[in-house]
């Protein structure tokens, strides 16, 4: 069952079905009907999440009958959640009304609100998947309990919703994911639509005038031609990130105010660079007062940094400043984590951080200081000497500079065989 869900969320639907059938056979062989229905629910939810509605329906209907027979109200509510979602997508209005009504009555009666506001084993991996059917239940069925749940999900007053979070990866390989589905390269239709979206992401919710967007993306074109190509690119962009949007309706994720555009600040948009910056700045700020918490936050930030910002666009000037800013924050994060590791005696981990720094910027002098200190504490005098010589060479080659006085003093103390005080007096 667990393997069915795990592989299913990764999109490996054939493997998920194999696990589901194996689990179902095993449960039935020992007459464990409750576990059999859990397997049916698990596989039905996976298929529904990926839009395989006709395939999901028999699994969910069998699970519904089984849980109704044994009186498991919570599992039955889970089944009704997925059936409500499925029937709405299939435009089977009568069945949708029945399942949505039963679900929301059960939520009110038993307090099952966590189905909508917390990740659960059998619930949606993206909680926003439930918003479209809650809006429908509120507006068409008049269920006040649907509006109550929408308020709990911070979706009060929302009249349209695509039903997923937009996740944007900018650090390393650029990728955009609609819920579970990654936007394929061909869905952008043209490179300029992809670049237009990247530009709006770079501006992080700031309004950008259409004229500026045209100037940045089509600098060689006259105004009329640039505006024409802008409209084509914007249309392709909005279709890529919201392909099931109704014709002539506004894109949920892109806000237009007169002639200016931005990412909708009220939409559920997750950007790895924004999360990286939050974690890094929080960790840097906590380093002195709470080293353990700081280290955890810095480590989490570094997991997000899979490469430079929009690294597949190395020649576009409009993202170069943001790339350099985040790159510098990445190096500061590594340096701070290296110091925290060194303070707790994790010298090898500190060395690894410094090596990552120098692979990115060979003239980052504090990394050489930490390296020399760690190698000294590890009893490796030859690497202390090698690190200093490398520092001298790299600073000379890249910047035409010599090491800072404190770097040279640290080196001299360490090679003379000074004790650990020589390390702490500088670092």
Protein backbone atom coordinates (compact mmCIF):
# COMPACT_ATOMS: atom_id res chain seq x y z
CA UNK A 1 0.00 0.00 0.00
CA UNK A 2 2.73 2.44 0.95
CA UNK A 3 4.76 1.48 -2.11
CA UNK A 4 1.68 1.98 -4.27
CA UNK A 5 1.30 5.55 -3.02
CA UNK A 6 5.02 6.34 -3.18
CA UNK A 7 5.54 5.10 -6.72
CA UNK A 8 2.22 6.57 -7.80
CA UNK A 9 3.18 10.06 -6.66
CA UNK A 10 6.33 9.71 -8.76
CA UNK A 11 4.19 8.99 -11.81
CA UNK A 12 5.18 5.32 -12.04
CA UNK A 13 1.58 4.21 -12.49
CA UNK A 14 2.25 0.72 -13.85
CA UNK A 15 4.48 -0.08 -10.89
CA UNK A 16 1.90 1.42 -8.52
CA UNK A 17 -0.77 -0.85 -9.99
CA UNK A 18 1.48 -3.88 -9.56
CA UNK A 19 1.96 -3.02 -5.88
CA UNK A 20 -1.79 -2.41 -5.49
CA UNK A 21 -2.77 -5.76 -6.99
CA UNK A 22 -0.15 -7.59 -4.93
CA UNK A 23 -1.32 -5.89 -1.74
CA UNK A 24 -4.96 -6.55 -2.54
CA UNK A 25 -4.34 -10.24 -3.19
CA UNK A 26 -2.38 -10.57 0.04
CA UNK A 27 -5.08 -8.86 2.10
CA UNK A 28 -7.86 -10.95 0.57
CA UNK A 29 -5.87 -14.17 1.07
CA UNK A 30 -5.97 -13.64 4.84
CA UNK A 31 -9.55 -12.27 4.75
CA UNK A 32 -8.45 -8.79 5.89
CA UNK A 33 -11.19 -6.83 4.14
CA UNK A 34 -10.33 -3.55 5.86
CA UNK A 35 -6.74 -3.63 4.57
CA UNK A 36 -8.04 -4.63 1.14
CA UNK A 37 -10.18 -1.50 1.09
CA UNK A 38 -7.23 0.64 2.17
CA UNK A 39 -5.32 -0.67 -0.85
CA UNK A 40 -8.29 0.15 -3.10
CA UNK A 41 -8.44 3.66 -1.67
CA UNK A 42 -4.69 4.14 -2.07
CA UNK A 43 -4.65 3.09 -5.72
CA UNK A 44 -7.86 4.94 -6.55
CA UNK A 45 -6.44 8.14 -5.08
CA UNK A 46 -3.22 7.82 -7.07
CA UNK A 47 -5.10 7.28 -10.33
CA UNK A 48 -7.43 10.22 -9.65
CA UNK A 49 -4.51 12.50 -8.81
CA UNK A 50 -3.00 11.75 -12.22
CA UNK A 51 -6.30 12.22 -14.06
CA UNK A 52 -6.91 8.52 -14.78
CA UNK A 53 -10.54 8.87 -13.77
CA UNK A 54 -12.17 5.91 -15.49
CA UNK A 55 -9.47 3.58 -14.18
CA UNK A 56 -9.80 5.01 -10.66
CA UNK A 57 -13.58 4.73 -10.41
CA UNK A 58 -13.97 0.96 -9.77
CA UNK A 59 -11.20 1.01 -7.15
CA UNK A 60 -12.85 3.86 -5.27
CA UNK A 61 -16.39 2.48 -5.55
CA UNK A 62 -15.30 -0.89 -4.14
CA UNK A 63 -13.48 0.91 -1.30
CA UNK A 64 -16.61 2.99 -0.63
CA UNK A 65 -18.80 -0.10 -0.34
CA UNK A 66 -16.28 -1.83 1.92
CA UNK A 67 -15.82 1.07 4.34
CA UNK A 68 -19.58 1.71 4.46
CA UNK A 69 -20.14 -1.92 5.42
CA UNK A 70 -17.60 -1.83 8.26
CA UNK A 71 -18.64 1.64 9.43
CA UNK A 72 -15.26 3.37 9.08
CA UNK A 73 -16.39 7.00 8.80
CA UNK A 74 -12.91 8.48 8.34
CA UNK A 75 -11.84 6.19 5.52
CA UNK A 76 -15.25 6.64 3.91
CA UNK A 77 -14.73 10.41 4.01
CA UNK A 78 -11.38 9.93 2.26
CA UNK A 79 -13.09 7.93 -0.48
CA UNK A 80 -15.80 10.57 -0.89
CA UNK A 81 -13.16 13.28 -1.20
CA UNK A 82 -11.60 11.55 -4.19
CA UNK A 83 -14.96 10.61 -5.70
CA UNK A 84 -16.17 14.21 -5.44
CA UNK A 85 -13.02 15.38 -7.20
CA UNK A 86 -13.36 12.68 -9.86
CA UNK A 87 -17.06 13.26 -10.60
CA UNK A 88 -16.56 17.02 -10.91
CA UNK A 89 -13.81 16.51 -13.47
CA UNK A 90 -16.02 14.07 -15.40
CA UNK A 91 -18.91 16.59 -15.21
CA UNK A 92 -21.18 13.99 -13.64
CA UNK A 93 -23.15 16.53 -11.67
CA UNK A 94 -25.59 14.30 -9.81
CA UNK A 95 -22.88 11.96 -8.53
CA UNK A 96 -20.71 14.93 -7.61
CA UNK A 97 -23.52 16.52 -5.61
CA UNK A 98 -24.13 13.30 -3.67
CA UNK A 99 -20.47 12.63 -2.80
CA UNK A 100 -19.60 16.24 -2.00
CA UNK A 101 -22.65 16.58 0.25
CA UNK A 102 -21.92 13.35 2.11
CA UNK A 103 -18.26 14.29 2.49
CA UNK A 104 -18.92 17.75 3.89
CA UNK A 105 -21.64 16.52 6.24
CA UNK A 106 -19.19 13.91 7.56
CA UNK A 107 -16.49 16.55 7.96
CA UNK A 108 -18.86 18.70 10.02
CA UNK A 109 -20.23 15.79 12.06
CA UNK A 110 -16.89 14.16 12.89
CA UNK A 111 -14.49 17.10 12.65
CA UNK A 112 -12.52 15.71 9.72
CA UNK A 113 -11.28 19.15 8.63
CA UNK A 114 -7.68 17.92 8.58
CA UNK A 115 -8.50 16.20 5.30
CA UNK A 116 -8.29 19.65 3.72
CA UNK A 117 -5.66 21.47 5.75
CA UNK A 118 -3.05 18.79 6.52
CA UNK A 119 -1.21 16.24 4.43
CA UNK A 120 -2.55 12.79 5.26
CA UNK A 121 -1.63 9.32 4.02
CA UNK A 122 -4.65 8.96 1.74
CA UNK A 123 -5.28 12.63 1.01
CA UNK A 124 -3.97 14.77 -1.85
CA UNK A 125 -0.25 15.50 -1.91
CA UNK A 126 -1.24 19.02 -3.01
CA UNK A 127 -4.08 20.14 -0.75
CA UNK A 128 -5.23 22.69 -3.32
CA UNK A 129 -6.55 19.85 -5.48
CA UNK A 130 -9.73 20.01 -3.39
CA UNK A 131 -10.42 23.73 -3.93
CA UNK A 132 -12.31 23.45 -7.27
CA UNK A 133 -14.88 21.01 -5.89
CA UNK A 134 -15.24 23.05 -2.69
CA UNK A 135 -15.99 26.13 -4.79
CA UNK A 136 -18.53 24.11 -6.78
CA UNK A 137 -20.09 22.75 -3.58
CA UNK A 138 -20.35 26.28 -2.18
CA UNK A 139 -21.66 28.01 -5.30
CA UNK A 140 -23.86 25.36 -6.94
CA UNK A 141 -24.92 23.22 -3.98
CA UNK A 142 -25.09 26.09 -1.48
CA UNK A 143 -23.18 24.18 1.20
CA UNK A 144 -22.01 26.58 3.90
CA UNK A 145 -19.61 23.93 5.18
CA UNK A 146 -17.70 24.25 1.90
CA UNK A 147 -17.17 27.97 2.51
CA UNK A 148 -16.01 27.18 6.05
CA UNK A 149 -13.39 24.78 4.73
CA UNK A 150 -12.29 27.29 2.08
CA UNK A 151 -11.74 29.87 4.81
CA UNK A 152 -9.61 27.36 6.72
CA UNK A 153 -7.55 26.90 3.54
CA UNK A 154 -7.13 30.68 3.12
CA UNK A 155 -9.25 30.56 -0.03
CA UNK A 156 -12.12 32.73 1.16
CA UNK A 157 -13.74 34.63 -1.70
CA UNK A 158 -11.96 32.65 -4.41
CA UNK A 159 -14.37 32.02 -7.29
CA UNK A 160 -12.01 30.15 -9.63
CA UNK A 161 -8.98 27.99 -8.94
CA UNK A 162 -6.87 25.62 -11.06
CA UNK A 163 -6.59 23.10 -8.23
CA UNK A 164 -2.84 22.92 -7.77
CA UNK A 165 0.25 24.69 -6.47
CA UNK A 166 2.69 26.00 -9.05
CA UNK A 167 6.19 24.94 -8.03
CA UNK A 168 9.08 26.69 -9.76
CA UNK A 169 12.67 25.44 -9.66
CA UNK A 170 15.19 28.11 -10.64
CA UNK A 171 18.35 26.96 -8.83
CA UNK A 172 19.97 24.60 -11.29
CA UNK A 173 17.68 23.00 -13.86
CA UNK A 174 14.70 25.25 -14.56
CA UNK A 175 11.42 23.41 -14.07
CA UNK A 176 7.78 24.29 -13.45
CA UNK A 177 5.41 21.78 -11.90
CA UNK A 178 1.62 22.00 -11.93
CA UNK A 179 0.72 19.93 -8.88
CA UNK A 180 2.23 16.57 -9.87
CA UNK A 181 2.90 17.31 -13.54
CA UNK A 182 6.06 19.01 -14.77
CA UNK A 183 5.52 21.42 -17.64
CA UNK A 184 7.22 19.81 -20.64
CA UNK A 185 9.60 21.92 -22.69
CA UNK A 186 7.33 21.65 -25.74
CA UNK A 187 4.37 23.07 -23.78
CA UNK A 188 6.01 26.49 -23.75
CA UNK A 189 5.64 26.45 -27.55
CA UNK A 190 8.45 28.97 -27.96
CA UNK A 191 11.54 29.97 -25.99
CA UNK A 192 10.34 33.56 -25.53
CA UNK A 193 7.27 32.45 -23.59
CA UNK A 194 9.54 30.51 -21.25
CA UNK A 195 11.84 33.52 -20.89
CA UNK A 196 8.87 35.80 -20.24
CA UNK A 197 7.82 33.59 -17.35
CA UNK A 198 11.40 33.46 -16.05
CA UNK A 199 11.53 37.25 -16.14
CA UNK A 200 8.34 37.55 -14.09
CA UNK A 201 9.74 35.00 -11.62
CA UNK A 202 12.97 37.01 -11.37
CA UNK A 203 10.99 40.13 -10.45
CA UNK A 204 9.28 38.19 -7.62
CA UNK A 205 5.82 39.72 -7.62
CA UNK A 206 6.82 43.21 -8.74
CA UNK A 207 4.67 44.77 -11.43
CA UNK A 208 6.54 45.05 -14.71
CA UNK A 209 5.24 47.25 -17.50
CA UNK A 210 4.62 45.59 -20.85
CA UNK A 211 6.95 48.10 -22.54
CA UNK A 212 9.80 47.06 -20.25
CA UNK A 213 9.09 43.37 -20.84
CA UNK A 214 9.18 43.97 -24.59
CA UNK A 215 12.39 45.98 -24.36
CA UNK A 216 14.11 43.25 -22.35
CA UNK A 217 12.92 40.32 -24.47
CA UNK A 218 12.69 41.86 -27.96
CA UNK A 219 15.18 44.75 -27.89
CA UNK A 220 15.83 44.62 -31.63
CA UNK A 221 12.16 44.88 -32.67
CA UNK A 222 9.97 47.92 -33.29
CA UNK A 223 7.16 48.56 -30.81
CA UNK A 224 4.35 47.11 -32.94
CA UNK A 225 6.17 43.87 -33.70
CA UNK A 226 7.35 43.49 -30.09
CA UNK A 227 3.80 43.95 -28.77
CA UNK A 228 2.53 41.34 -31.21
CA UNK A 229 5.17 38.82 -30.13
CA UNK A 230 4.52 39.67 -26.48
CA UNK A 231 0.85 38.72 -26.83
CA UNK A 232 1.77 35.45 -28.52
CA UNK A 233 4.34 34.63 -25.81
CA UNK A 234 1.98 35.55 -22.96
CA UNK A 235 -0.77 33.37 -24.43
CA UNK A 236 1.63 30.41 -24.71
CA UNK A 237 2.91 31.05 -21.18
CA UNK A 238 -0.52 31.10 -19.56
CA UNK A 239 -1.56 27.98 -21.44
CA UNK A 240 1.59 26.17 -20.28
CA UNK A 241 1.04 26.87 -16.60
CA UNK A 242 -2.77 26.60 -16.68
CA UNK A 243 -3.74 24.39 -19.63
CA UNK A 244 -7.31 23.71 -18.50
CA UNK A 245 -8.20 27.38 -18.09
CA UNK A 246 -11.54 28.37 -19.62
CA UNK A 247 -11.31 30.28 -22.89
CA UNK A 248 -11.05 34.08 -22.50
CA UNK A 249 -10.74 33.82 -18.72
CA UNK A 250 -7.88 35.37 -16.77
CA UNK A 251 -4.89 33.27 -15.81
CA UNK A 252 -4.94 32.53 -12.09
CA UNK A 253 -1.16 32.73 -11.69
CA UNK A 254 -0.46 35.88 -13.74
CA UNK A 255 -1.99 39.16 -12.61
CA UNK A 256 -2.50 42.03 -15.04
CA UNK A 257 -3.04 45.59 -13.83
CA UNK A 258 -3.63 47.85 -16.83
CA UNK A 259 -0.43 47.36 -18.88
CA UNK A 260 1.66 45.79 -16.11
CA UNK A 261 2.13 42.12 -15.24
CA UNK A 262 3.38 40.05 -12.31
CA UNK A 263 3.04 36.69 -10.62
CA UNK A 264 -0.22 36.75 -8.69
CA UNK A 265 0.83 37.37 -5.05
CA UNK A 266 -2.36 35.65 -3.83
CA UNK A 267 -1.79 32.46 -5.83
CA UNK A 268 -0.09 29.39 -4.40
CA UNK A 269 3.32 29.69 -6.03
CA UNK A 270 6.39 28.06 -4.49
CA UNK A 271 9.79 29.20 -5.76
CA UNK A 272 12.93 27.39 -4.63
CA UNK A 273 15.02 30.59 -4.70
CA UNK A 274 12.60 32.35 -2.35
CA UNK A 275 12.59 29.40 0.06
CA UNK A 276 16.38 29.14 -0.16
CA UNK A 277 16.76 32.80 0.75
CA UNK A 278 14.35 32.54 3.70
CA UNK A 279 16.15 29.53 5.16
CA UNK A 280 19.62 30.93 4.55
CA UNK A 281 18.90 34.34 6.06
CA UNK A 282 17.18 32.76 9.06
CA UNK A 283 20.11 30.41 9.61
CA UNK A 284 22.67 33.18 9.29
CA UNK A 285 20.75 35.28 11.79
CA UNK A 286 20.50 32.44 14.32
CA UNK A 287 24.11 31.25 14.10
CA UNK A 288 25.33 33.13 17.17
CA UNK A 289 22.36 32.48 19.48
CA UNK A 290 21.12 29.03 18.43
CA UNK A 291 23.81 27.09 16.54
CA UNK A 292 21.81 23.86 16.29
CA UNK A 293 18.77 25.52 14.75
CA UNK A 294 21.00 27.63 12.53
CA UNK A 295 22.85 24.57 11.21
CA UNK A 296 19.57 22.80 10.42
CA UNK A 297 18.27 25.81 8.50
CA UNK A 298 21.53 26.31 6.61
CA UNK A 299 21.61 22.62 5.67
CA UNK A 300 18.01 22.82 4.44
CA UNK A 301 18.84 25.91 2.39
CA UNK A 302 21.81 24.21 0.75
CA UNK A 303 19.66 21.24 -0.28
CA UNK A 304 17.64 23.65 -2.39
CA UNK A 305 20.65 25.17 -4.13
CA UNK A 306 21.16 22.71 -6.97
CA UNK A 307 22.93 25.22 -9.19
CA UNK A 308 23.04 28.90 -10.04
CA UNK A 309 19.87 30.89 -10.63
CA UNK A 310 18.51 30.29 -14.16
CA UNK A 311 21.80 28.72 -15.12
CA UNK A 312 20.44 27.77 -18.54
CA UNK A 313 20.22 31.50 -19.39
CA UNK A 314 23.85 32.58 -18.86
CA UNK A 315 23.78 35.47 -21.33
CA UNK A 316 20.57 37.24 -20.33
CA UNK A 317 21.47 40.43 -18.47
CA UNK A 318 18.11 40.83 -16.71
CA UNK A 319 18.75 37.80 -14.48
CA UNK A 320 22.50 38.23 -13.92
CA UNK A 321 22.19 40.49 -10.85
CA UNK A 322 19.79 38.08 -9.13
CA UNK A 323 22.05 35.16 -10.05
CA UNK A 324 25.07 36.85 -8.48
CA UNK A 325 23.12 37.89 -5.37
CA UNK A 326 21.90 34.34 -4.72
CA UNK A 327 25.30 32.90 -5.55
CA UNK A 328 26.90 35.15 -2.92
CA UNK A 329 24.25 34.12 -0.39
CA UNK A 330 25.02 30.48 -1.21
CA UNK A 331 28.72 31.04 -0.45
CA UNK A 332 27.92 32.89 2.79
CA UNK A 333 25.64 30.01 3.78
CA UNK A 334 28.37 27.45 3.18
CA UNK A 335 30.89 29.55 5.10
CA UNK A 336 28.56 29.95 8.09
CA UNK A 337 27.80 26.23 8.12
CA UNK A 338 31.50 25.39 7.88
CA UNK A 339 32.16 27.55 10.95
CA UNK A 340 29.35 25.86 12.87
CA UNK A 341 30.72 22.44 11.94
CA UNK A 342 34.22 23.51 12.96
CA UNK A 343 32.95 24.77 16.32
CA UNK A 344 31.29 21.43 17.10
CA UNK A 345 34.38 19.49 16.04
CA UNK A 346 32.97 18.18 12.77
CA UNK A 347 36.13 19.08 10.87
CA UNK A 348 35.62 16.82 7.85
CA UNK A 349 32.15 18.30 7.28
CA UNK A 350 33.62 21.79 7.55
CA UNK A 351 36.30 20.88 5.00
CA UNK A 352 33.60 19.62 2.62
CA UNK A 353 31.76 22.95 2.89
CA UNK A 354 34.95 24.86 2.13
CA UNK A 355 35.67 22.70 -0.89
CA UNK A 356 32.20 23.48 -2.22
CA UNK A 357 32.88 27.18 -1.71
CA UNK A 358 36.19 27.07 -3.56
CA UNK A 359 34.70 25.06 -6.41
CA UNK A 360 32.34 27.98 -6.92
CA UNK A 361 34.71 30.84 -6.06
CA UNK A 362 38.41 30.02 -5.72
CA UNK A 363 39.15 33.47 -4.25
CA UNK A 364 36.75 33.21 -1.26
CA UNK A 365 39.45 33.79 1.35
CA UNK A 366 37.56 32.85 4.56
CA UNK A 367 37.25 29.31 3.20
CA UNK A 368 41.05 28.97 3.20
CA UNK A 369 41.17 30.16 6.83
CA UNK A 370 38.67 27.50 7.87
CA UNK A 371 40.46 24.84 5.82
CA UNK A 372 43.81 25.58 7.46
CA UNK A 373 42.23 25.52 10.92
CA UNK A 374 40.50 22.20 10.28
CA UNK A 375 43.56 20.55 8.77
CA UNK A 376 45.59 21.72 11.77
CA UNK A 377 43.07 20.21 14.18
CA UNK A 378 43.08 17.01 12.12
CA UNK A 379 46.87 16.89 12.44
CA UNK A 380 47.61 17.34 8.74
CA UNK A 381 50.36 19.98 8.53
CA UNK A 382 51.04 19.38 4.83
CA UNK A 383 47.47 20.29 3.91
CA UNK A 384 47.68 23.43 6.05
CA UNK A 385 50.67 24.50 3.94
CA UNK A 386 49.01 23.45 0.68
CA UNK A 387 45.84 25.38 1.52
CA UNK A 388 47.76 28.57 2.21
CA UNK A 389 49.82 28.26 -0.97
CA UNK A 390 46.65 27.70 -2.96
CA UNK A 391 45.10 30.77 -1.34
CA UNK A 392 48.11 32.90 -2.33
CA UNK A 393 48.01 31.63 -5.91
CA UNK A 394 44.26 32.02 -6.41
CA UNK A 395 44.10 35.54 -4.96
CA UNK A 396 47.01 36.59 -7.14
CA UNK A 397 45.63 35.01 -10.31
CA UNK A 398 42.01 36.12 -9.94
CA UNK A 399 42.23 39.42 -8.08
CA UNK A 400 45.85 40.51 -8.16
CA UNK A 401 45.86 40.57 -4.35
CA UNK A 402 47.75 39.01 -1.47
CA UNK A 403 46.06 37.28 1.49
CA UNK A 404 44.66 39.38 4.33
CA UNK A 405 47.01 39.86 7.30
CA UNK A 406 44.86 37.65 9.54
CA UNK A 407 45.10 34.80 7.01
CA UNK A 408 48.88 35.03 6.95
CA UNK A 409 49.10 35.28 10.75
CA UNK A 410 46.92 32.19 11.16
CA UNK A 411 49.08 30.26 8.72
CA UNK A 412 52.31 31.28 10.47
CA UNK A 413 50.99 30.25 13.88
CA UNK A 414 49.74 26.91 12.61
CA UNK A 415 52.94 25.92 10.81
CA UNK A 416 54.94 26.86 13.91
CA UNK A 417 52.89 24.23 15.72
CA UNK A 418 50.81 26.57 17.89
CA UNK A 419 47.97 25.04 19.86
CA UNK A 420 44.25 25.26 19.26
CA UNK A 421 44.23 28.84 20.56
CA UNK A 422 45.83 29.87 17.29
CA UNK A 423 42.70 28.66 15.54
CA UNK A 424 40.09 30.22 17.78
CA UNK A 425 41.90 33.56 18.00
CA UNK A 426 41.33 34.14 14.29
CA UNK A 427 38.16 32.25 13.39
